[in-house]
C-alpha cells in the first residue's frame, strides 16, 4: 500500500472515531472540535508508528 492510501485510511478512521468520541463525551461540540480530535488521532497514529519502527531496529 502506498503512503497516500495509508494516510487516507487513517484520516477516514480518525473522522469516524472522532465523531463517535465527541458525540459520546461532548454532545454539544461543533465541527471544529471534531476536526481537532481527528488531527490528534491521525497524529498519534503516525507517532506510534514511528515508535514501533524505532523499537524494531
Protein backbone atom coordinates (compact mmCIF):
# COMPACT_ATOMS: atom_id res chain seq x y z
CA UNK A 1 0.00 0.00 0.00
CA UNK A 2 1.26 3.44 -0.82
CA UNK A 3 1.69 6.08 1.89
CA UNK A 4 -1.18 8.09 0.38
CA UNK A 5 -3.61 5.18 0.83
CA UNK A 6 -2.45 4.67 4.40
CA UNK A 7 -2.94 8.38 5.10
CA UNK A 8 -6.43 8.34 3.59
CA UNK A 9 -7.44 5.28 5.63
CA UNK A 10 -6.13 6.89 8.81
CA UNK A 11 -7.99 10.12 8.12
CA UNK A 12 -11.28 8.33 7.44
CA UNK A 13 -10.92 6.17 10.54
CA UNK A 14 -9.89 9.25 12.54
CA UNK A 15 -13.01 11.10 11.44
CA UNK A 16 -15.25 8.18 12.36
CA UNK A 17 -13.72 7.72 15.80
CA UNK A 18 -13.58 11.48 16.42
CA UNK A 19 -17.29 11.82 15.68
CA UNK A 20 -18.09 8.90 17.97
CA UNK A 21 -15.90 10.20 20.80
CA UNK A 22 -17.07 13.80 20.64
CA UNK A 23 -20.74 12.84 20.41
CA UNK A 24 -20.32 10.47 23.34
CA UNK A 25 -18.39 12.79 25.67
CA UNK A 26 -19.26 16.27 24.35
CA UNK A 27 -22.64 16.13 22.60
CA UNK A 28 -22.82 19.91 22.10
CA UNK A 29 -19.43 20.21 20.42
CA UNK A 30 -19.10 21.60 16.92
CA UNK A 31 -17.33 20.54 13.78
CA UNK A 32 -14.14 22.37 14.79
CA UNK A 33 -13.80 20.09 17.81
CA UNK A 34 -14.33 17.01 15.65
CA UNK A 35 -11.61 18.18 13.25
CA UNK A 36 -9.23 18.88 16.15
CA UNK A 37 -9.79 15.41 17.61
CA UNK A 38 -9.31 13.93 14.14
CA UNK A 39 -5.97 15.72 13.79
CA UNK A 40 -4.87 14.44 17.20
CA UNK A 41 -5.87 10.86 16.37
CA UNK A 42 -4.11 10.85 12.99
CA UNK A 43 -1.04 12.49 14.52
CA UNK A 44 -0.94 9.90 17.28
CA UNK A 45 -1.16 7.12 14.70
CA UNK A 46 1.97 8.43 12.98
CA UNK A 47 3.81 8.98 16.27
CA UNK A 48 3.04 5.45 17.46
CA UNK A 49 4.11 4.03 14.08
CA UNK A 50 7.40 5.89 14.44
CA UNK A 51 7.94 4.44 17.94
CA UNK A 52 7.16 0.93 16.70
CA UNK A 53 9.59 1.20 13.77
CA UNK A 54 12.31 2.61 16.02
CA UNK A 55 11.95 -0.24 18.53
CA UNK A 56 12.32 -2.89 15.81
CA UNK A 57 15.76 -1.56 14.83
